[in-house]
N, C-alpha and C. Protein backbone atom coordinates (compact mmCIF):
# COMPACT_ATOMS: atom_id res chain seq x y z
N MET A 1 2.89 76.79 135.09
CA MET A 1 3.86 76.74 134.83
C MET A 1 3.80 78.68 134.40
N ILE A 2 4.66 79.36 134.72
CA ILE A 2 4.43 80.94 134.85
C ILE A 2 5.78 81.15 133.78
N TRP A 3 5.04 82.07 132.66
CA TRP A 3 6.64 83.13 131.90
C TRP A 3 6.55 84.02 131.85
N GLU A 4 7.91 84.35 131.70
CA GLU A 4 7.75 86.01 131.73
C GLU A 4 9.10 86.61 130.49
N VAL A 5 8.63 87.73 130.09
CA VAL A 5 9.32 88.05 129.11
C VAL A 5 10.79 88.61 130.04
N ARG A 6 11.85 88.58 129.54
CA ARG A 6 12.81 89.31 130.16
C ARG A 6 13.86 90.66 129.22
N ARG A 7 13.86 91.69 129.63
CA ARG A 7 14.55 92.62 128.95
C ARG A 7 15.84 91.82 127.63
N ALA A 8 16.56 91.02 127.96
CA ALA A 8 17.38 89.73 126.90
C ALA A 8 16.88 89.63 125.54
N GLY A 9 15.23 89.47 125.96
CA GLY A 9 14.38 89.04 124.66
C GLY A 9 14.38 87.49 124.70
N GLY A 10 14.57 87.28 125.39
CA GLY A 10 14.44 85.64 125.42
C GLY A 10 13.47 85.35 126.83
N ILE A 11 12.53 84.00 127.01
CA ILE A 11 11.90 83.22 127.87
C ILE A 11 12.53 82.56 128.99
N HIS A 12 12.05 82.36 130.03
CA HIS A 12 12.69 82.03 130.88
C HIS A 12 11.46 81.06 131.56
N ASP A 13 11.62 79.95 132.28
CA ASP A 13 10.61 79.03 133.28
C ASP A 13 10.68 79.73 134.45
N ALA A 14 9.94 80.61 135.08
CA ALA A 14 9.57 81.11 136.39
C ALA A 14 9.47 80.16 137.83
N GLY A 15 8.93 78.93 137.20
CA GLY A 15 8.23 78.24 138.26
C GLY A 15 8.69 77.19 138.79
N ASP A 16 9.78 76.06 137.58
CA ASP A 16 10.08 74.61 137.81
C ASP A 16 11.31 74.47 137.90
N GLY A 17 12.04 75.62 137.93
CA GLY A 17 13.49 75.27 138.01
C GLY A 17 13.97 74.65 136.80
N LYS A 18 13.60 74.84 135.22
CA LYS A 18 14.33 74.10 134.53
C LYS A 18 15.24 75.07 133.95
N LYS A 19 16.17 75.02 133.51
CA LYS A 19 17.22 75.44 132.60
C LYS A 19 16.22 76.95 131.94
N ASP A 20 16.80 78.17 131.79
CA ASP A 20 16.60 79.10 131.19
C ASP A 20 16.88 78.78 129.65
N SER A 21 15.94 79.38 128.47
CA SER A 21 16.03 79.80 127.37
C SER A 21 16.21 80.49 126.74
N PHE A 22 17.48 81.36 126.33
CA PHE A 22 17.09 82.35 125.73
C PHE A 22 17.98 82.09 124.23
N GLY A 23 17.30 83.43 123.20
CA GLY A 23 18.10 82.72 121.86
C GLY A 23 17.20 83.61 120.85
N PHE A 24 17.74 83.51 119.97
CA PHE A 24 16.49 83.70 118.75
C PHE A 24 15.95 82.36 117.86
N THR A 25 14.92 82.11 117.24
CA THR A 25 14.22 81.10 116.61
C THR A 25 15.02 81.20 115.30
N LEU A 26 14.72 80.16 114.74
CA LEU A 26 15.40 79.80 113.08
C LEU A 26 14.94 81.26 112.17
N ILE A 27 13.30 81.33 112.65
CA ILE A 27 12.57 82.04 111.51
C ILE A 27 12.88 83.49 111.76
N GLU A 28 13.34 84.28 113.10
CA GLU A 28 13.85 85.12 113.48
C GLU A 28 15.20 85.56 113.23
N ILE A 29 16.52 84.34 112.90
CA ILE A 29 17.37 84.87 111.76
C ILE A 29 17.89 84.63 110.71
N LEU A 30 16.26 84.06 110.35
CA LEU A 30 16.69 83.93 108.64
C LEU A 30 15.99 85.34 107.83
N VAL A 31 14.73 86.04 108.76
CA VAL A 31 14.31 87.16 108.53
C VAL A 31 15.71 88.37 108.60
N VAL A 32 16.48 87.87 109.56
CA VAL A 32 17.70 89.52 109.78
C VAL A 32 18.72 88.90 108.42
N VAL A 33 18.77 87.71 108.06
CA VAL A 33 19.71 87.15 107.12
C VAL A 33 19.22 87.72 105.65
N ALA A 34 17.70 87.42 105.43
CA ALA A 34 17.14 88.06 104.01
C ALA A 34 16.70 89.46 104.30
N ILE A 35 17.02 90.39 105.29
CA ILE A 35 16.98 91.65 105.51
C ILE A 35 18.69 92.33 105.12
N ILE A 36 19.06 91.70 105.38
CA ILE A 36 20.89 92.02 105.17
C ILE A 36 21.07 91.63 103.67
N GLY A 37 20.81 90.76 103.34
CA GLY A 37 20.89 90.55 102.01
C GLY A 37 19.98 91.20 100.94
N ILE A 38 19.39 91.54 101.02
CA ILE A 38 18.34 92.75 100.54
C ILE A 38 19.28 93.81 100.71
N LEU A 39 19.62 94.39 101.74
CA LEU A 39 20.55 95.79 101.81
C LEU A 39 21.38 95.40 100.98
N ALA A 40 22.27 94.70 100.93
CA ALA A 40 23.76 94.40 100.44
C ALA A 40 22.90 94.17 98.98
N SER A 41 22.36 93.65 98.14
CA SER A 41 21.67 93.83 96.83
C SER A 41 21.81 95.43 96.35
N ILE A 42 21.40 96.10 97.40
CA ILE A 42 21.24 97.45 96.97
C ILE A 42 22.31 98.40 97.18
N ALA A 43 23.13 98.03 98.38
CA ALA A 43 24.13 99.01 98.38
C ALA A 43 25.46 98.47 97.40
N LEU A 44 25.91 97.46 97.33
CA LEU A 44 27.16 96.70 96.79
C LEU A 44 27.46 97.50 95.33
N PRO A 45 26.12 97.48 94.73
CA PRO A 45 26.32 97.72 92.78
C PRO A 45 26.95 99.58 92.95
N LYS A 46 25.89 99.76 93.48
CA LYS A 46 26.12 101.72 94.13
C LYS A 46 28.35 101.99 93.99
N LEU A 47 28.36 100.56 95.29
CA LEU A 47 29.52 101.31 96.14
C LEU A 47 30.75 100.87 94.70
N PHE A 48 30.39 99.74 94.23
CA PHE A 48 31.30 99.36 93.32
C PHE A 48 31.10 100.54 92.02
N ALA A 49 30.02 101.08 91.62
CA ALA A 49 29.71 102.09 90.30
C ALA A 49 30.68 103.21 90.97
N ALA A 50 30.69 103.71 92.48
CA ALA A 50 31.08 104.59 92.67
C ALA A 50 32.84 104.75 93.19
N ILE A 51 33.45 103.62 92.98
CA ILE A 51 34.73 102.99 92.58
C ILE A 51 35.35 103.15 91.54
N CYS A 52 34.56 102.78 90.91
CA CYS A 52 34.53 103.12 88.91
C CYS A 52 34.86 104.32 88.86
N ARG A 53 33.92 105.21 89.09
CA ARG A 53 34.14 106.80 89.21
C ARG A 53 34.93 107.12 89.34
N SER A 54 35.39 107.12 90.66
CA SER A 54 36.79 107.60 91.34
C SER A 54 38.04 106.93 90.37
N LYS A 55 37.88 106.17 90.34
CA LYS A 55 39.55 105.62 89.28
C LYS A 55 39.02 106.57 87.79
N VAL A 56 37.95 106.55 87.47
CA VAL A 56 37.87 106.95 86.02
C VAL A 56 38.20 108.58 85.94
N GLY A 57 38.06 109.41 87.35
CA GLY A 57 38.60 110.45 87.32
C GLY A 57 40.20 110.69 87.82
N LYS A 58 40.18 109.27 88.73
CA LYS A 58 41.87 109.80 88.55
C LYS A 58 42.47 109.74 87.00
N VAL A 59 42.32 108.49 86.44
CA VAL A 59 42.35 108.75 85.06
C VAL A 59 42.18 110.14 84.47
N ASP A 60 41.37 110.59 84.56
CA ASP A 60 40.86 112.41 84.05
C ASP A 60 41.90 113.21 84.19
N GLY A 61 42.32 112.95 85.49
CA GLY A 61 43.54 113.87 86.11
C GLY A 61 44.85 113.45 85.85
N VAL A 62 45.09 112.46 85.28
CA VAL A 62 46.95 112.20 85.22
C VAL A 62 46.91 112.41 83.22
N VAL A 63 45.66 112.25 83.17
CA VAL A 63 45.42 112.97 81.66
C VAL A 63 46.01 114.03 81.34
N GLY A 64 45.08 115.04 82.50
CA GLY A 64 45.39 116.53 82.39
C GLY A 64 46.60 117.04 82.41
N SER A 65 47.34 115.69 83.34
CA SER A 65 48.72 116.29 84.01
C SER A 65 49.53 116.01 82.58
N LEU A 66 49.24 114.96 81.84
CA LEU A 66 50.29 114.52 80.55
C LEU A 66 49.98 115.40 79.61
N ASN A 67 48.36 116.03 79.19
CA ASN A 67 48.36 117.41 78.51
C ASN A 67 49.61 118.47 78.78
N GLY A 68 49.41 118.58 80.09
CA GLY A 68 49.82 119.76 80.54
C GLY A 68 51.64 119.86 80.03
N SER A 69 51.97 118.31 80.54
CA SER A 69 53.38 117.73 80.23
C SER A 69 53.27 117.75 78.64
N LEU A 70 53.19 117.49 78.03
CA LEU A 70 53.08 117.77 76.54
C LEU A 70 52.90 118.78 75.96
N SER A 71 51.84 119.82 76.70
CA SER A 71 52.66 121.55 75.86
C SER A 71 53.55 121.98 76.42
N MET A 72 53.70 121.61 77.47
CA MET A 72 55.67 122.12 77.76
C MET A 72 56.47 121.57 77.12
N TYR A 73 56.61 120.19 76.39
CA TYR A 73 57.36 119.89 75.62
C TYR A 73 57.02 120.31 73.84
N PHE A 74 55.70 120.48 73.81
CA PHE A 74 55.40 121.58 72.77
C PHE A 74 56.20 123.13 72.59
N ALA A 75 56.33 123.56 74.00
CA ALA A 75 56.66 124.95 73.56
C ALA A 75 58.43 124.70 73.61
N ASP A 76 59.25 123.49 74.15
CA ASP A 76 60.60 123.10 74.15
C ASP A 76 61.19 123.18 73.08
N ASN A 77 60.19 122.35 72.29
CA ASN A 77 60.64 121.90 71.12
C ASN A 77 60.10 122.74 69.61
N GLU A 78 60.11 123.91 69.57
CA GLU A 78 59.55 124.62 68.67
C GLU A 78 58.61 123.94 67.91
N GLY A 79 57.31 124.37 69.06
CA GLY A 79 56.00 123.77 68.05
C GLY A 79 55.60 122.64 67.84
N SER A 80 56.17 121.18 68.02
CA SER A 80 56.04 119.91 67.87
C SER A 80 56.19 119.55 69.02
N PHE A 81 54.90 118.16 69.15
CA PHE A 81 54.70 117.34 69.95
C PHE A 81 55.39 116.08 69.30
N PRO A 82 56.23 114.98 70.45
CA PRO A 82 56.28 113.73 69.98
C PRO A 82 56.19 113.00 68.65
N VAL A 83 56.94 112.52 67.89
CA VAL A 83 56.35 111.71 66.79
C VAL A 83 56.38 110.55 66.72
N LEU A 84 55.40 109.81 67.15
CA LEU A 84 55.59 108.61 67.08
C LEU A 84 54.36 108.06 66.46
N SER A 85 54.34 106.81 65.43
CA SER A 85 53.19 106.70 64.31
C SER A 85 52.52 105.73 65.06
N SER A 86 53.12 105.13 65.51
CA SER A 86 52.02 103.57 65.96
C SER A 86 51.93 103.94 67.74
N SER A 87 50.97 103.50 68.10
CA SER A 87 51.02 103.04 69.27
C SER A 87 51.49 102.84 70.43
N THR A 88 52.42 103.60 71.76
CA THR A 88 53.30 103.41 72.43
C THR A 88 53.16 103.44 73.41
N THR A 89 53.34 102.43 74.07
CA THR A 89 53.17 102.61 75.70
C THR A 89 54.37 104.07 76.67
N ILE A 90 52.90 104.84 77.24
CA ILE A 90 54.05 106.00 77.54
C ILE A 90 54.70 105.49 78.78
N ASN A 91 56.07 105.17 79.03
CA ASN A 91 57.21 104.88 80.21
C ASN A 91 58.67 105.55 79.73
N SER A 92 59.04 105.44 80.88
CA SER A 92 60.37 106.07 80.39
C SER A 92 61.24 105.10 79.19
N ALA A 93 61.24 103.94 79.42
CA ALA A 93 61.66 103.15 78.32
C ALA A 93 62.03 103.43 77.07
N SER A 94 59.96 103.38 76.69
CA SER A 94 59.83 103.69 75.05
C SER A 94 59.79 105.41 75.31
N MET A 95 59.80 106.57 75.80
CA MET A 95 59.81 107.55 75.74
C MET A 95 60.06 108.12 76.91
N GLY A 96 61.88 107.83 76.61
CA GLY A 96 62.82 108.64 77.54
C GLY A 96 62.98 109.76 77.24
N TYR A 97 62.71 110.16 76.33
CA TYR A 97 63.32 112.27 76.38
C TYR A 97 61.92 113.01 76.97
N LEU A 98 60.90 112.46 77.22
CA LEU A 98 59.92 112.79 77.90
C LEU A 98 60.06 112.45 79.63
N ILE A 99 60.38 111.45 80.05
CA ILE A 99 60.38 111.05 81.41
C ILE A 99 61.69 110.94 81.96
N PRO A 100 62.09 111.71 83.07
CA PRO A 100 61.71 112.37 83.89
C PRO A 100 61.54 113.87 83.91
N LYS A 101 62.03 114.00 82.56
CA LYS A 101 61.66 116.00 82.33
C LYS A 101 60.44 116.73 82.59
N TYR A 102 59.65 115.80 82.20
CA TYR A 102 58.07 116.35 81.73
C TYR A 102 57.07 115.33 82.63
N PHE A 103 57.40 113.93 82.55
CA PHE A 103 56.81 113.12 83.98
C PHE A 103 57.53 112.94 85.05
N GLU A 104 56.63 112.76 85.84
CA GLU A 104 57.63 112.88 86.92
C GLU A 104 58.06 111.17 86.81
N THR A 105 56.92 109.74 86.61
CA THR A 105 57.36 108.46 86.81
C THR A 105 56.27 108.08 85.38
N ASP A 106 56.50 106.80 85.25
CA ASP A 106 55.84 106.00 84.25
C ASP A 106 53.80 106.21 85.01
N PRO A 107 53.01 106.48 83.98
CA PRO A 107 52.10 106.88 84.46
C PRO A 107 51.36 105.49 84.57
N ILE A 108 50.65 104.77 84.94
CA ILE A 108 49.62 103.70 84.94
C ILE A 108 48.36 103.96 85.52
N THR A 109 47.23 103.09 85.02
CA THR A 109 46.22 103.33 85.37
C THR A 109 45.88 102.58 86.63
N PRO A 110 44.56 102.95 87.13
CA PRO A 110 44.01 102.74 88.45
C PRO A 110 43.90 100.67 88.20
N TRP A 111 43.82 100.32 86.88
CA TRP A 111 43.39 99.17 86.31
C TRP A 111 44.87 98.50 86.48
N GLY A 112 45.86 99.19 86.39
CA GLY A 112 47.21 98.65 86.27
C GLY A 112 47.65 98.57 84.75
N ASP A 113 47.27 99.36 83.88
CA ASP A 113 47.43 99.21 81.94
C ASP A 113 48.05 100.55 81.98
N PRO A 114 48.94 100.46 81.10
CA PRO A 114 49.75 101.60 80.23
C PRO A 114 48.76 102.63 79.71
N TYR A 115 49.45 104.19 79.85
CA TYR A 115 48.73 104.75 78.81
C TYR A 115 49.24 104.95 77.40
N ARG A 116 48.87 105.07 76.64
CA ARG A 116 49.16 104.86 75.05
C ARG A 116 49.58 105.77 74.44
N TYR A 117 50.20 106.59 73.42
CA TYR A 117 50.39 107.61 73.31
C TYR A 117 50.43 107.50 71.09
N THR A 118 50.02 107.96 70.59
CA THR A 118 50.08 108.22 69.09
C THR A 118 50.55 109.77 69.15
N GLY A 119 51.09 110.23 68.07
CA GLY A 119 51.19 111.20 67.76
C GLY A 119 52.38 111.58 66.23
N ASP A 120 51.82 112.89 65.64
CA ASP A 120 52.13 113.33 64.39
C ASP A 120 53.26 114.51 64.33
N GLY A 121 53.37 114.88 65.44
CA GLY A 121 53.91 116.48 65.80
C GLY A 121 52.82 117.96 65.91
N ALA A 122 51.80 117.07 65.42
CA ALA A 122 51.27 118.23 64.81
C ALA A 122 49.88 118.18 66.14
N PHE A 123 49.35 116.89 66.36
CA PHE A 123 48.48 116.65 66.98
C PHE A 123 49.40 115.43 68.00
N TYR A 124 48.24 114.62 69.01
CA TYR A 124 48.37 113.86 69.95
C TYR A 124 47.53 113.05 70.12
N THR A 125 47.37 112.27 70.43
CA THR A 125 46.45 111.00 70.70
C THR A 125 46.83 109.92 72.11
N ILE A 126 46.02 110.16 73.16
CA ILE A 126 46.55 109.11 74.74
C ILE A 126 45.08 108.84 74.27
N CYS A 127 45.62 106.89 74.28
CA CYS A 127 44.10 106.21 74.73
C CYS A 127 44.72 105.47 76.02
N VAL A 128 43.56 105.38 76.72
CA VAL A 128 43.24 104.98 78.02
C VAL A 128 42.14 103.78 78.09
N SER A 129 42.96 102.56 78.61
CA SER A 129 42.33 101.56 78.69
C SER A 129 41.18 101.52 80.10
N ILE A 130 39.78 101.57 79.82
CA ILE A 130 39.20 101.64 81.23
C ILE A 130 38.68 100.25 81.70
N ASP A 131 38.94 100.01 83.10
CA ASP A 131 38.44 99.09 83.84
C ASP A 131 39.25 97.66 83.08
N GLY A 132 40.26 97.96 82.67
CA GLY A 132 41.25 97.03 82.51
C GLY A 132 41.53 96.07 81.15
N ALA A 133 40.28 96.72 80.39
CA ALA A 133 40.03 96.24 78.94
C ALA A 133 41.72 96.13 77.69
N LYS A 134 41.43 95.70 77.23
CA LYS A 134 42.76 95.51 76.49
C LYS A 134 42.14 96.58 75.41
N GLY A 135 43.77 96.72 74.08
CA GLY A 135 42.82 97.24 72.39
C GLY A 135 43.19 98.80 72.19
N CYS A 136 43.91 99.57 73.83
CA CYS A 136 44.80 100.85 72.62
C CYS A 136 45.54 100.74 72.06
N ASP A 137 46.24 99.25 71.35
CA ASP A 137 47.56 98.98 71.33
C ASP A 137 46.81 98.49 69.76
N GLY A 138 45.92 98.75 69.14
CA GLY A 138 45.10 98.34 68.36
C GLY A 138 44.48 96.83 68.04
N SER A 139 44.49 95.89 68.92
CA SER A 139 44.71 94.78 68.92
C SER A 139 42.82 94.19 68.86
N SER A 140 42.08 95.41 69.06
CA SER A 140 40.76 94.90 69.18
C SER A 140 39.99 95.37 67.64
N GLY A 141 40.85 95.77 66.67
CA GLY A 141 40.52 95.30 65.29
C GLY A 141 40.19 97.19 65.47
N THR A 142 39.59 97.54 64.32
CA THR A 142 39.14 99.07 63.69
C THR A 142 38.33 99.62 64.70
N SER A 143 37.54 99.44 65.19
CA SER A 143 36.28 99.75 66.18
C SER A 143 36.69 99.17 67.46
N PRO A 144 37.46 100.12 68.80
CA PRO A 144 37.41 99.74 69.74
C PRO A 144 35.88 99.87 70.29
N PRO A 145 35.46 99.05 71.61
CA PRO A 145 34.64 98.92 72.54
C PRO A 145 34.73 100.34 73.15
N ASP A 146 33.23 100.50 74.05
CA ASP A 146 33.14 101.65 74.46
C ASP A 146 33.58 102.10 75.87
N ASP A 147 34.73 100.78 76.22
CA ASP A 147 35.26 101.00 77.09
C ASP A 147 36.66 101.66 77.05
N TYR A 148 37.03 102.59 75.95
CA TYR A 148 38.34 103.02 75.84
C TYR A 148 37.89 104.25 75.95
N ARG A 149 38.96 105.44 76.20
CA ARG A 149 38.51 106.71 76.18
C ARG A 149 40.00 107.05 75.34
N TYR A 150 39.79 108.49 74.21
CA TYR A 150 40.56 108.78 73.88
C TYR A 150 40.89 110.04 73.74
N TYR A 151 42.24 110.98 74.37
CA TYR A 151 42.17 111.92 74.37
C TYR A 151 43.14 112.41 73.03
N SER A 152 42.67 113.94 72.89
CA SER A 152 43.44 114.24 71.85
C SER A 152 43.23 115.84 71.68
N SER A 153 44.63 116.21 71.37
CA SER A 153 45.32 118.24 71.40
C SER A 153 45.66 118.04 70.27
N GLY A 154 45.93 119.46 69.81
CA GLY A 154 46.40 119.80 68.78
C GLY A 154 46.94 121.24 69.08
N ASP A 155 45.80 121.97 69.43
CA ASP A 155 46.20 123.89 70.25
C ASP A 155 46.17 123.84 71.64
N GLY A 156 46.12 122.84 72.68
CA GLY A 156 46.20 123.12 73.74
C GLY A 156 44.87 122.62 74.34
N LYS A 157 43.82 122.21 73.35
CA LYS A 157 42.76 122.24 74.18
C LYS A 157 42.57 120.26 74.10
N MET A 158 42.06 120.13 75.59
CA MET A 158 42.28 118.43 75.38
C MET A 158 40.73 117.88 75.20
N GLN A 159 40.44 117.16 74.59
CA GLN A 159 38.98 116.76 74.15
C GLN A 159 39.04 114.98 73.88
N SER A 160 37.66 114.48 74.88
CA SER A 160 37.51 113.15 75.03
C SER A 160 36.66 112.89 74.03
N THR A 161 36.93 111.67 73.16
CA THR A 161 36.02 111.42 71.85
C THR A 161 35.09 110.41 72.48
N ASN A 162 35.53 109.66 74.12
CA ASN A 162 34.46 108.54 73.91
C ASN A 162 34.08 109.02 75.91
N THR A 163 32.77 108.93 75.96
CA THR A 163 32.22 109.84 76.95
C THR A 163 32.04 108.96 78.33
N ASN A 164 32.07 107.61 77.36
CA ASN A 164 31.32 105.99 78.28
C ASN A 164 32.57 105.52 79.01
N PRO A 165 32.38 105.58 80.73
CA PRO A 165 33.46 105.27 81.29
C PRO A 165 33.53 104.02 81.60
N GLY A 166 32.51 103.41 80.85
CA GLY A 166 32.82 101.42 80.75
C GLY A 166 32.76 100.88 82.21
N CYS A 167 31.80 101.56 83.23
CA CYS A 167 31.80 101.54 84.29
C CYS A 167 30.05 101.75 84.90
């Protein structure tokens, strides 16, 4: 029997007229699947982290816009920010005097949660729930976990009191 290797990667019988046999062995398939699994285990966490960082970047941009809008409100209202003693969702229902004059639409985080506002006239805080975690309304107790960002302003300077993006 004469065997020859063809370019297609298989082996065929050149002499006795039996059916050609082309394909991969089980071992070859398992090796390829293992390599793909190893590459996926390396790539997927980095992909998910990059997606989370992009969402946090979007939140930073929206909070910057909210800060600018609240600064305009401050200038138009004799040096006073909106006064709301409890954490309130920033939307047209609860803060109709701000939307649409200062904000175009109701701001929503990339995780589908609202931005929340508290203010005493001189200072304000915007609470942002990162990665869909709950608690900006105070429901999680006195010390929120690391997946919250708080932005505060009193003199036009925006500050974040939590630098852990939670992802």
